[in-house]
Amino acid sequence: MQTKPIQLSDVIYNAANQSFEALVTVYEDDVSSKYPCAINAPITMSFEDAAAGLKTQALRRHTPRAGTYSHTVRYVPPQRAGRPAFDPVRWLESIVHLPGRRAD
C-alpha cells in the first residue's frame, strides 16, 4: 500500500453521538481530497488511536471514490506563448493617434 500525506483538521469529540469527528485531507500528487470522517469511540480513547481510526476511514473512502468528499486541483495559469507583453504607454499612444479622437 502506498503512503499518502494525510492532514487532520478540526478534530472534535461529539458527546451526543459519542464519536470523534474530523475533516481529513488526503494529498496525492497535485490533488487534495477532503473527507468528513467520524468514528464511534468513548471519550477515554487516546488521541493517537482516534487519529489512526480517522486516517484509516479517510483512506478507505479515498480509494474507491465513494461517499462525500471535496476534490481540489492546484490551479496552474496557462502560458501566454507568442503574445507580446502589454505596454500601457504604447497602447495609450495608439489611441491618441486614432482618427476622430482629437479634442480640438
PDB file of N, CA and C in Angstrom:
ATOM      1  N   MET A   1       0.840  -1.175   0.000  1.00  0.00           N
ATOM      2  CA  MET A   1       0.000   0.000   0.000  1.00  0.00           C
ATOM      3  C   MET A   1       0.886   1.239   0.000  1.00  0.00           C
ATOM      4  N   GLN A   2       0.539   2.202  -0.840  1.00  0.00           N
ATOM      5  CA  GLN A   2       1.319   3.410  -0.980  1.00  0.00           C
ATOM      6  C   GLN A   2       0.964   4.412   0.124  1.00  0.00           C
ATOM      7  N   THR A   3       1.967   5.062   0.692  1.00  0.00           N
ATOM      8  CA  THR A   3       1.729   6.038   1.741  1.00  0.00           C
ATOM      9  C   THR A   3       1.432   7.393   1.122  1.00  0.00           C
ATOM     10  N   LYS A   4       0.345   8.023   1.551  1.00  0.00           N
ATOM     11  CA  LYS A   4      -0.039   9.341   1.068  1.00  0.00           C
ATOM     12  C   LYS A   4      -0.036  10.299   2.252  1.00  0.00           C
ATOM     13  N   PRO A   5       0.392  11.551   2.045  1.00  0.00           N
ATOM     14  CA  PRO A   5       0.327  12.515   3.141  1.00  0.00           C
ATOM     15  C   PRO A   5      -1.122  12.771   3.554  1.00  0.00           C
ATOM     16  N   ILE A   6      -1.366  12.809   4.863  1.00  0.00           N
ATOM     17  CA  ILE A   6      -2.715  12.982   5.399  1.00  0.00           C
ATOM     18  C   ILE A   6      -2.687  14.093   6.440  1.00  0.00           C
ATOM     19  N   GLN A   7      -3.723  14.928   6.433  1.00  0.00           N
ATOM     20  CA  GLN A   7      -3.831  16.011   7.406  1.00  0.00           C
ATOM     21  C   GLN A   7      -5.193  15.941   8.084  1.00  0.00           C
ATOM     22  N   LEU A   8      -5.194  16.005   9.414  1.00  0.00           N
ATOM     23  CA  LEU A   8      -6.426  16.040  10.193  1.00  0.00           C
ATOM     24  C   LEU A   8      -6.715  17.485  10.580  1.00  0.00           C
ATOM     25  N   SER A   9      -7.957  17.933  10.373  1.00  0.00           N
ATOM     26  CA  SER A   9      -8.350  19.296  10.732  1.00  0.00           C
ATOM     27  C   SER A   9      -9.591  19.255  11.606  1.00  0.00           C
ATOM     28  N   ASP A  10      -9.649  20.145  12.567  1.00  0.00           N
ATOM     29  CA  ASP A  10     -10.831  20.323  13.407  1.00  0.00           C
ATOM     30  C   ASP A  10     -11.293  19.026  14.061  1.00  0.00           C
ATOM     31  N   VAL A  11     -10.385  18.322  14.716  1.00  0.00           N
ATOM     32  CA  VAL A  11     -10.759  17.081  15.409  1.00  0.00           C
ATOM     33  C   VAL A  11     -11.532  17.456  16.672  1.00  0.00           C
ATOM     34  N   ILE A  12     -12.737  16.902  16.789  1.00  0.00           N
ATOM     35  CA  ILE A  12     -13.578  17.169  17.967  1.00  0.00           C
ATOM     36  C   ILE A  12     -14.154  15.856  18.481  1.00  0.00           C
ATOM     37  N   TYR A  13     -14.619  15.901  19.730  1.00  0.00           N
ATOM     38  CA  TYR A  13     -15.368  14.765  20.263  1.00  0.00           C
ATOM     39  C   TYR A  13     -16.820  15.189  20.362  1.00  0.00           C
ATOM     40  N   ASN A  14     -17.689  14.495  19.661  1.00  0.00           N
ATOM     41  CA  ASN A  14     -19.120  14.774  19.681  1.00  0.00           C
ATOM     42  C   ASN A  14     -19.740  13.909  20.772  1.00  0.00           C
ATOM     43  N   ALA A  15     -20.061  14.525  21.901  1.00  0.00           N
ATOM     44  CA  ALA A  15     -20.590  13.777  23.045  1.00  0.00           C
ATOM     45  C   ALA A  15     -21.983  13.235  22.759  1.00  0.00           C
ATOM     46  N   ALA A  16     -22.757  13.934  21.942  1.00  0.00           N
ATOM     47  CA  ALA A  16     -24.115  13.466  21.639  1.00  0.00           C
ATOM     48  C   ALA A  16     -24.083  12.140  20.877  1.00  0.00           C
ATOM     49  N   ASN A  17     -23.128  11.995  19.958  1.00  0.00           N
ATOM     50  CA  ASN A  17     -23.019  10.759  19.169  1.00  0.00           C
ATOM     51  C   ASN A  17     -21.943   9.825  19.714  1.00  0.00           C
ATOM     52  N   GLN A  18     -21.218  10.269  20.712  1.00  0.00           N
ATOM     53  CA  GLN A  18     -20.095   9.520  21.278  1.00  0.00           C
ATOM     54  C   GLN A  18     -19.129   9.090  20.174  1.00  0.00           C
ATOM     55  N   SER A  19     -18.627  10.115  19.434  1.00  0.00           N
ATOM     56  CA  SER A  19     -17.712   9.831  18.334  1.00  0.00           C
ATOM     57  C   SER A  19     -16.698  10.959  18.165  1.00  0.00           C
ATOM     58  N   PHE A  20     -15.534  10.584  17.646  1.00  0.00           N
ATOM     59  CA  PHE A  20     -14.538  11.563  17.236  1.00  0.00           C
ATOM     60  C   PHE A  20     -14.831  11.929  15.786  1.00  0.00           C
ATOM     61  N   GLU A  21     -14.767  13.229  15.479  1.00  0.00           N
ATOM     62  CA  GLU A  21     -15.062  13.698  14.129  1.00  0.00           C
ATOM     63  C   GLU A  21     -13.942  14.618  13.662  1.00  0.00           C
ATOM     64  N   ALA A  22     -13.680  14.597  12.347  1.00  0.00           N
ATOM     65  CA  ALA A  22     -12.634  15.467  11.792  1.00  0.00           C
ATOM     66  C   ALA A  22     -12.822  15.593  10.289  1.00  0.00           C
ATOM     67  N   LEU A  23     -12.224  16.645   9.745  1.00  0.00           N
ATOM     68  CA  LEU A  23     -12.109  16.799   8.304  1.00  0.00           C
ATOM     69  C   LEU A  23     -10.710  16.319   7.955  1.00  0.00           C
ATOM     70  N   VAL A  24     -10.629  15.265   7.141  1.00  0.00           N
ATOM     71  CA  VAL A  24      -9.343  14.642   6.827  1.00  0.00           C
ATOM     72  C   VAL A  24      -8.999  14.933   5.369  1.00  0.00           C
ATOM     73  N   THR A  25      -7.796  15.459   5.135  1.00  0.00           N
ATOM     74  CA  THR A  25      -7.332  15.770   3.786  1.00  0.00           C
ATOM     75  C   THR A  25      -6.270  14.761   3.384  1.00  0.00           C
ATOM     76  N   VAL A  26      -6.475  14.144   2.202  1.00  0.00           N
ATOM     77  CA  VAL A  26      -5.517  13.185   1.652  1.00  0.00           C
ATOM     78  C   VAL A  26      -4.882  13.848   0.433  1.00  0.00           C
ATOM     79  N   TYR A  27      -3.551  13.970   0.446  1.00  0.00           N
ATOM     80  CA  TYR A  27      -2.815  14.596  -0.650  1.00  0.00           C
ATOM     81  C   TYR A  27      -2.221  13.518  -1.548  1.00  0.00           C
ATOM     82  N   GLU A  28      -2.434  13.681  -2.857  1.00  0.00           N
ATOM     83  CA  GLU A  28      -1.885  12.740  -3.822  1.00  0.00           C
ATOM     84  C   GLU A  28      -1.494  13.527  -5.062  1.00  0.00           C
ATOM     85  N   ASP A  29      -0.195  13.620  -5.331  1.00  0.00           N
ATOM     86  CA  ASP A  29       0.357  14.445  -6.412  1.00  0.00           C
ATOM     87  C   ASP A  29      -0.066  15.895  -6.203  1.00  0.00           C
ATOM     88  N   ASP A  30      -0.727  16.510  -7.190  1.00  0.00           N
ATOM     89  CA  ASP A  30      -1.177  17.900  -7.071  1.00  0.00           C
ATOM     90  C   ASP A  30      -2.633  17.995  -6.645  1.00  0.00           C
ATOM     91  N   VAL A  31      -3.235  16.888  -6.243  1.00  0.00           N
ATOM     92  CA  VAL A  31      -4.656  16.850  -5.906  1.00  0.00           C
ATOM     93  C   VAL A  31      -4.816  16.610  -4.410  1.00  0.00           C
ATOM     94  N   SER A  32      -5.739  17.367  -3.797  1.00  0.00           N
ATOM     95  CA  SER A  32      -6.077  17.104  -2.397  1.00  0.00           C
ATOM     96  C   SER A  32      -7.565  16.798  -2.313  1.00  0.00           C
ATOM     97  N   SER A  33      -7.899  15.751  -1.582  1.00  0.00           N
ATOM     98  CA  SER A  33      -9.286  15.345  -1.395  1.00  0.00           C
ATOM     99  C   SER A  33      -9.613  15.415   0.085  1.00  0.00           C
ATOM    100  N   LYS A  34     -10.771  15.992   0.409  1.00  0.00           N
ATOM    101  CA  LYS A  34     -11.166  16.151   1.805  1.00  0.00           C
ATOM    102  C   LYS A  34     -12.381  15.280   2.100  1.00  0.00           C
ATOM    103  N   TYR A  35     -12.328  14.613   3.254  1.00  0.00           N
ATOM    104  CA  TYR A  35     -13.392  13.702   3.650  1.00  0.00           C
ATOM    105  C   TYR A  35     -13.844  14.010   5.078  1.00  0.00           C
ATOM    106  N   PRO A  36     -15.160  14.125   5.303  1.00  0.00           N
ATOM    107  CA  PRO A  36     -15.645  14.234   6.679  1.00  0.00           C
ATOM    108  C   PRO A  36     -15.668  12.833   7.289  1.00  0.00           C
ATOM    109  N   CYS A  37     -14.979  12.636   8.384  1.00  0.00           N
ATOM    110  CA  CYS A  37     -14.876  11.306   8.990  1.00  0.00           C
ATOM    111  C   CYS A  37     -15.333  11.341  10.443  1.00  0.00           C
ATOM    112  N   ALA A  38     -15.867  10.209  10.903  1.00  0.00           N
ATOM    113  CA  ALA A  38     -16.297  10.064  12.293  1.00  0.00           C
ATOM    114  C   ALA A  38     -16.137   8.598  12.690  1.00  0.00           C
ATOM    115  N   ILE A  39     -15.613   8.382  13.895  1.00  0.00           N
ATOM    116  CA  ILE A  39     -15.515   7.013  14.423  1.00  0.00           C
ATOM    117  C   ILE A  39     -16.170   6.984  15.799  1.00  0.00           C
ATOM    118  N   ASN A  40     -16.955   5.958  16.025  1.00  0.00           N
ATOM    119  CA  ASN A  40     -17.593   5.775  17.330  1.00  0.00           C
ATOM    120  C   ASN A  40     -16.543   5.296  18.321  1.00  0.00           C
ATOM    121  N   ALA A  41     -16.415   6.036  19.410  1.00  0.00           N
ATOM    122  CA  ALA A  41     -15.406   5.688  20.412  1.00  0.00           C
ATOM    123  C   ALA A  41     -15.733   6.408  21.714  1.00  0.00           C
ATOM    124  N   PRO A  42     -15.294   5.851  22.834  1.00  0.00           N
ATOM    125  CA  PRO A  42     -15.504   6.542  24.115  1.00  0.00           C
ATOM    126  C   PRO A  42     -14.549   7.730  24.231  1.00  0.00           C
ATOM    127  N   ILE A  43     -14.902   8.663  25.076  1.00  0.00           N
ATOM    128  CA  ILE A  43     -14.078   9.861  25.264  1.00  0.00           C
ATOM    129  C   ILE A  43     -12.725   9.523  25.884  1.00  0.00           C
ATOM    130  N   THR A  44     -12.611   8.363  26.482  1.00  0.00           N
ATOM    131  CA  THR A  44     -11.359   7.953  27.119  1.00  0.00           C
ATOM    132  C   THR A  44     -10.326   7.426  26.114  1.00  0.00           C
ATOM    133  N   MET A  45     -10.715   7.265  24.856  1.00  0.00           N
ATOM    134  CA  MET A  45      -9.775   6.784  23.841  1.00  0.00           C
ATOM    135  C   MET A  45      -8.656   7.814  23.661  1.00  0.00           C
ATOM    136  N   SER A  46      -7.428   7.351  23.473  1.00  0.00           N
ATOM    137  CA  SER A  46      -6.306   8.278  23.287  1.00  0.00           C
ATOM    138  C   SER A  46      -6.434   8.989  21.938  1.00  0.00           C
ATOM    139  N   PHE A  47      -5.861  10.187  21.874  1.00  0.00           N
ATOM    140  CA  PHE A  47      -5.925  10.963  20.640  1.00  0.00           C
ATOM    141  C   PHE A  47      -5.227  10.234  19.488  1.00  0.00           C
ATOM    142  N   GLU A  48      -4.112   9.560  19.779  1.00  0.00           N
ATOM    143  CA  GLU A  48      -3.377   8.835  18.746  1.00  0.00           C
ATOM    144  C   GLU A  48      -4.230   7.725  18.125  1.00  0.00           C
ATOM    145  N   ASP A  49      -4.973   6.982  18.967  1.00  0.00           N
ATOM    146  CA  ASP A  49      -5.839   5.914  18.458  1.00  0.00           C
ATOM    147  C   ASP A  49      -6.996   6.495  17.640  1.00  0.00           C
ATOM    148  N   ALA A  50      -7.551   7.604  18.111  1.00  0.00           N
ATOM    149  CA  ALA A  50      -8.648   8.244  17.376  1.00  0.00           C
ATOM    150  C   ALA A  50      -8.152   8.763  16.031  1.00  0.00           C
ATOM    151  N   ALA A  51      -6.963   9.376  16.022  1.00  0.00           N
ATOM    152  CA  ALA A  51      -6.398   9.894  14.775  1.00  0.00           C
ATOM    153  C   ALA A  51      -6.127   8.762  13.788  1.00  0.00           C
ATOM    154  N   ALA A  52      -5.623   7.646  14.291  1.00  0.00           N
ATOM    155  CA  ALA A  52      -5.367   6.500  13.423  1.00  0.00           C
ATOM    156  C   ALA A  52      -6.668   5.975  12.810  1.00  0.00           C
ATOM    157  N   GLY A  53      -7.734   5.915  13.593  1.00  0.00           N
ATOM    158  CA  GLY A  53      -9.025   5.463  13.073  1.00  0.00           C
ATOM    159  C   GLY A  53      -9.597   6.419  12.036  1.00  0.00           C
ATOM    160  N   LEU A  54      -9.449   7.725  12.262  1.00  0.00           N
ATOM    161  CA  LEU A  54      -9.936   8.715  11.302  1.00  0.00           C
ATOM    162  C   LEU A  54      -9.143   8.647   9.999  1.00  0.00           C
ATOM    163  N   LYS A  55      -7.823   8.452  10.105  1.00  0.00           N
ATOM    164  CA  LYS A  55      -6.992   8.331   8.904  1.00  0.00           C
ATOM    165  C   LYS A  55      -7.355   7.084   8.106  1.00  0.00           C
ATOM    166  N   THR A  56      -7.578   5.983   8.804  1.00  0.00           N
ATOM    167  CA  THR A  56      -7.950   4.738   8.135  1.00  0.00           C
ATOM    168  C   THR A  56      -9.266   4.900   7.383  1.00  0.00           C
ATOM    169  N   GLN A  57     -10.231   5.554   8.012  1.00  0.00           N
ATOM    170  CA  GLN A  57     -11.515   5.773   7.359  1.00  0.00           C
ATOM    171  C   GLN A  57     -11.363   6.650   6.116  1.00  0.00           C
ATOM    172  N   ALA A  58     -10.541   7.693   6.210  1.00  0.00           N
ATOM    173  CA  ALA A  58     -10.327   8.579   5.059  1.00  0.00           C
ATOM    174  C   ALA A  58      -9.666   7.831   3.910  1.00  0.00           C
ATOM    175  N   LEU A  59      -8.683   6.989   4.205  1.00  0.00           N
ATOM    176  CA  LEU A  59      -8.023   6.221   3.143  1.00  0.00           C
ATOM    177  C   LEU A  59      -8.971   5.226   2.491  1.00  0.00           C
ATOM    178  N   ARG A  60      -9.880   4.642   3.274  1.00  0.00           N
ATOM    179  CA  ARG A  60     -10.874   3.730   2.688  1.00  0.00           C
ATOM    180  C   ARG A  60     -11.803   4.483   1.746  1.00  0.00           C
ATOM    181  N   ARG A  61     -12.193   5.680   2.134  1.00  0.00           N
ATOM    182  CA  ARG A  61     -13.059   6.490   1.274  1.00  0.00           C
ATOM    183  C   ARG A  61     -12.303   7.000   0.049  1.00  0.00           C
ATOM    184  N   HIS A  62     -11.018   7.231   0.200  1.00  0.00           N
ATOM    185  CA  HIS A  62     -10.219   7.784  -0.898  1.00  0.00           C
ATOM    186  C   HIS A  62     -10.019   6.779  -2.024  1.00  0.00           C
ATOM    187  N   THR A  63      -9.838   5.534  -1.698  1.00  0.00           N
ATOM    188  CA  THR A  63      -9.526   4.520  -2.698  1.00  0.00           C
ATOM    189  C   THR A  63     -10.630   4.333  -3.745  1.00  0.00           C
ATOM    190  N   PRO A  64     -11.868   4.026  -3.372  1.00  0.00           N
ATOM    191  CA  PRO A  64     -12.878   3.804  -4.411  1.00  0.00           C
ATOM    192  C   PRO A  64     -13.625   5.070  -4.833  1.00  0.00           C
ATOM    193  N   ARG A  65     -13.310   6.210  -4.224  1.00  0.00           N
ATOM    194  CA  ARG A  65     -14.012   7.465  -4.503  1.00  0.00           C
ATOM    195  C   ARG A  65     -15.500   7.353  -4.176  1.00  0.00           C
ATOM    196  N   ALA A  66     -15.792   6.738  -3.054  1.00  0.00           N
ATOM    197  CA  ALA A  66     -17.182   6.598  -2.631  1.00  0.00           C
ATOM    198  C   ALA A  66     -17.460   7.553  -1.481  1.00  0.00           C
ATOM    199  N   GLY A  67     -18.688   7.968  -1.352  1.00  0.00           N
ATOM    200  CA  GLY A  67     -19.065   8.819  -0.240  1.00  0.00           C
ATOM    201  C   GLY A  67     -18.860  10.289  -0.531  1.00  0.00           C
ATOM    202  N   THR A  68     -18.984  11.090   0.502  1.00  0.00           N
ATOM    203  CA  THR A  68     -18.872  12.532   0.379  1.00  0.00           C
ATOM    204  C   THR A  68     -17.412  12.954   0.457  1.00  0.00           C
ATOM    205  N   TYR A  69     -16.974  13.757  -0.508  1.00  0.00           N
ATOM    206  CA  TYR A  69     -15.614  14.281  -0.466  1.00  0.00           C
ATOM    207  C   TYR A  69     -15.533  15.560  -1.297  1.00  0.00           C
ATOM    208  N   SER A  70     -14.473  16.296  -1.089  1.00  0.00           N
ATOM    209  CA  SER A  70     -14.198  17.512  -1.845  1.00  0.00           C
ATOM    210  C   SER A  70     -12.910  17.295  -2.612  1.00  0.00           C
ATOM    211  N   HIS A  71     -12.878  17.711  -3.857  1.00  0.00           N
ATOM    212  CA  HIS A  71     -11.735  17.478  -4.732  1.00  0.00           C
ATOM    213  C   HIS A  71     -11.164  18.827  -5.152  1.00  0.00           C
ATOM    214  N   THR A  72      -9.883  19.065  -4.887  1.00  0.00           N
ATOM    215  CA  THR A  72      -9.252  20.328  -5.230  1.00  0.00           C
ATOM    216  C   THR A  72      -8.015  20.065  -6.069  1.00  0.00           C
ATOM    217  N   VAL A  73      -7.906  20.785  -7.184  1.00  0.00           N
ATOM    218  CA  VAL A  73      -6.747  20.668  -8.056  1.00  0.00           C
ATOM    219  C   VAL A  73      -6.014  22.008  -8.042  1.00  0.00           C
ATOM    220  N   ARG A  74      -4.710  21.960  -7.931  1.00  0.00           N
ATOM    221  CA  ARG A  74      -3.918  23.186  -7.926  1.00  0.00           C
ATOM    222  C   ARG A  74      -4.057  23.877  -9.282  1.00  0.00           C
ATOM    223  N   TYR A  75      -4.332  25.187  -9.268  1.00  0.00           N
ATOM    224  CA  TYR A  75      -4.501  25.961 -10.492  1.00  0.00           C
ATOM    225  C   TYR A  75      -3.145  26.383 -11.030  1.00  0.00           C
ATOM    226  N   VAL A  76      -2.908  26.064 -12.290  1.00  0.00           N
ATOM    227  CA  VAL A  76      -1.696  26.488 -12.971  1.00  0.00           C
ATOM    228  C   VAL A  76      -2.132  27.365 -14.136  1.00  0.00           C
ATOM    229  N   PRO A  77      -1.801  28.670 -14.119  1.00  0.00           N
ATOM    230  CA  PRO A  77      -2.245  29.541 -15.194  1.00  0.00           C
ATOM    231  C   PRO A  77      -1.608  29.135 -16.522  1.00  0.00           C
ATOM    232  N   PRO A  78      -2.356  29.286 -17.615  1.00  0.00           N
ATOM    233  CA  PRO A  78      -1.809  28.896 -18.919  1.00  0.00           C
ATOM    234  C   PRO A  78      -0.683  29.837 -19.356  1.00  0.00           C
ATOM    235  N   GLN A  79       0.232  29.308 -20.130  1.00  0.00           N
ATOM    236  CA  GLN A  79       1.330  30.103 -20.663  1.00  0.00           C
ATOM    237  C   GLN A  79       0.803  31.032 -21.751  1.00  0.00           C
ATOM    238  N   ARG A  80       1.364  32.222 -21.845  1.00  0.00           N
ATOM    239  CA  ARG A  80       0.954  33.173 -22.871  1.00  0.00           C
ATOM    240  C   ARG A  80       1.980  33.155 -23.988  1.00  0.00           C
ATOM    241  N   ALA A  81       2.107  32.022 -24.637  1.00  0.00           N
ATOM    242  CA  ALA A  81       3.112  31.850 -25.679  1.00  0.00           C
ATOM    243  C   ALA A  81       2.757  32.671 -26.919  1.00  0.00           C
ATOM    244  N   GLY A  82       3.758  33.349 -27.468  1.00  0.00           N
ATOM    245  CA  GLY A  82       3.569  34.071 -28.716  1.00  0.00           C
ATOM    246  C   GLY A  82       2.914  35.431 -28.564  1.00  0.00           C
ATOM    247  N   ARG A  83       2.560  35.829 -27.375  1.00  0.00           N
ATOM    248  CA  ARG A  83       1.922  37.123 -27.184  1.00  0.00           C
ATOM    249  C   ARG A  83       2.931  38.101 -26.600  1.00  0.00           C
ATOM    250  N   PRO A  84       3.001  39.314 -27.159  1.00  0.00           N
ATOM    251  CA  PRO A  84       3.916  40.290 -26.588  1.00  0.00           C
ATOM    252  C   PRO A  84       3.395  40.803 -25.248  1.00  0.00           C
ATOM    253  N   ALA A  85       4.285  41.293 -24.444  1.00  0.00           N
ATOM    254  CA  ALA A  85       3.894  41.855 -23.155  1.00  0.00           C
ATOM    255  C   ALA A  85       3.068  43.124 -23.384  1.00  0.00           C
ATOM    256  N   PHE A  86       2.139  43.395 -22.508  1.00  0.00           N
ATOM    257  CA  PHE A  86       1.277  44.567 -22.624  1.00  0.00           C
ATOM    258  C   PHE A  86       2.033  45.800 -22.163  1.00  0.00           C
ATOM    259  N   ASP A  87       2.073  46.819 -23.036  1.00  0.00           N
ATOM    260  CA  ASP A  87       2.731  48.082 -22.720  1.00  0.00           C
ATOM    261  C   ASP A  87       1.660  49.158 -22.688  1.00  0.00           C
ATOM    262  N   PRO A  88       1.245  49.639 -21.501  1.00  0.00           N
ATOM    263  CA  PRO A  88       0.145  50.595 -21.427  1.00  0.00           C
ATOM    264  C   PRO A  88       0.451  51.930 -22.088  1.00  0.00           C
ATOM    265  N   VAL A  89       1.688  52.403 -22.047  1.00  0.00           N
ATOM    266  CA  VAL A  89       2.039  53.689 -22.672  1.00  0.00           C
ATOM    267  C   VAL A  89       1.880  53.594 -24.184  1.00  0.00           C
ATOM    268  N   ARG A  90       2.372  52.523 -24.757  1.00  0.00           N
ATOM    269  CA  ARG A  90       2.242  52.324 -26.211  1.00  0.00           C
ATOM    270  C   ARG A  90       0.779  52.209 -26.616  1.00  0.00           C
ATOM    271  N   TRP A  91      -0.015  51.529 -25.795  1.00  0.00           N
ATOM    272  CA  TRP A  91      -1.439  51.382 -26.089  1.00  0.00           C
ATOM    273  C   TRP A  91      -2.136  52.734 -26.064  1.00  0.00           C
ATOM    274  N   LEU A  92      -1.837  53.569 -25.052  1.00  0.00           N
ATOM    275  CA  LEU A  92      -2.448  54.896 -24.981  1.00  0.00           C
ATOM    276  C   LEU A  92      -2.021  55.777 -26.157  1.00  0.00           C
ATOM    277  N   GLU A  93      -0.759  55.681 -26.570  1.00  0.00           N
ATOM    278  CA  GLU A  93      -0.303  56.449 -27.741  1.00  0.00           C
ATOM    279  C   GLU A  93      -1.055  56.036 -28.994  1.00  0.00           C
ATOM    280  N   SER A  94      -1.339  54.745 -29.124  1.00  0.00           N
ATOM    281  CA  SER A  94      -2.079  54.300 -30.312  1.00  0.00           C
ATOM    282  C   SER A  94      -3.511  54.811 -30.292  1.00  0.00           C
ATOM    283  N   ILE A  95      -4.094  54.985 -29.137  1.00  0.00           N
ATOM    284  CA  ILE A  95      -5.461  55.514 -29.042  1.00  0.00           C
ATOM    285  C   ILE A  95      -5.480  57.007 -29.372  1.00  0.00           C
ATOM    286  N   VAL A  96      -4.470  57.727 -28.929  1.00  0.00           N
ATOM    287  CA  VAL A  96      -4.408  59.170 -29.171  1.00  0.00           C
ATOM    288  C   VAL A  96      -4.338  59.455 -30.667  1.00  0.00           C
ATOM    289  N   HIS A  97      -3.681  58.633 -31.429  1.00  0.00           N
ATOM    290  CA  HIS A  97      -3.480  58.874 -32.854  1.00  0.00           C
ATOM    291  C   HIS A  97      -4.596  58.303 -33.730  1.00  0.00           C
ATOM    292  N   LEU A  98      -5.665  57.789 -33.147  1.00  0.00           N
ATOM    293  CA  LEU A  98      -6.788  57.309 -33.952  1.00  0.00           C
ATOM    294  C   LEU A  98      -7.530  58.497 -34.561  1.00  0.00           C
ATOM    295  N   PRO A  99      -8.035  58.358 -35.814  1.00  0.00           N
ATOM    296  CA  PRO A  99      -8.767  59.464 -36.428  1.00  0.00           C
ATOM    297  C   PRO A  99     -10.068  59.736 -35.681  1.00  0.00           C
ATOM    298  N   GLY A 100     -10.390  61.037 -35.548  1.00  0.00           N
ATOM    299  CA  GLY A 100     -11.631  61.426 -34.901  1.00  0.00           C
ATOM    300  C   GLY A 100     -11.583  61.408 -33.387  1.00  0.00           C
ATOM    301  N   ARG A 101     -10.401  61.233 -32.816  1.00  0.00           N
ATOM    302  CA  ARG A 101     -10.259  61.154 -31.364  1.00  0.00           C
ATOM    303  C   ARG A 101      -9.543  62.373 -30.795  1.00  0.00           C
ATOM    304  N   ARG A 102      -9.538  63.454 -31.534  1.00  0.00           N
ATOM    305  CA  ARG A 102      -8.797  64.651 -31.097  1.00  0.00           C
ATOM    306  C   ARG A 102      -9.754  65.615 -30.428  1.00  0.00           C
ATOM    307  N   ALA A 103      -9.288  66.222 -29.358  1.00  0.00           N
ATOM    308  CA  ALA A 103     -10.079  67.244 -28.668  1.00  0.00           C
ATOM    309  C   ALA A 103      -9.553  68.605 -29.085  1.00  0.00           C
ATOM    310  N   ASP A 104     -10.108  69.185 -30.180  1.00  0.00           N
ATOM    311  CA  ASP A 104      -9.656  70.488 -30.670  1.00  0.00           C
ATOM    312  C   ASP A 104     -10.556  71.576 -30.171  1.00  0.00           C
TER     313      ASP A 104
END
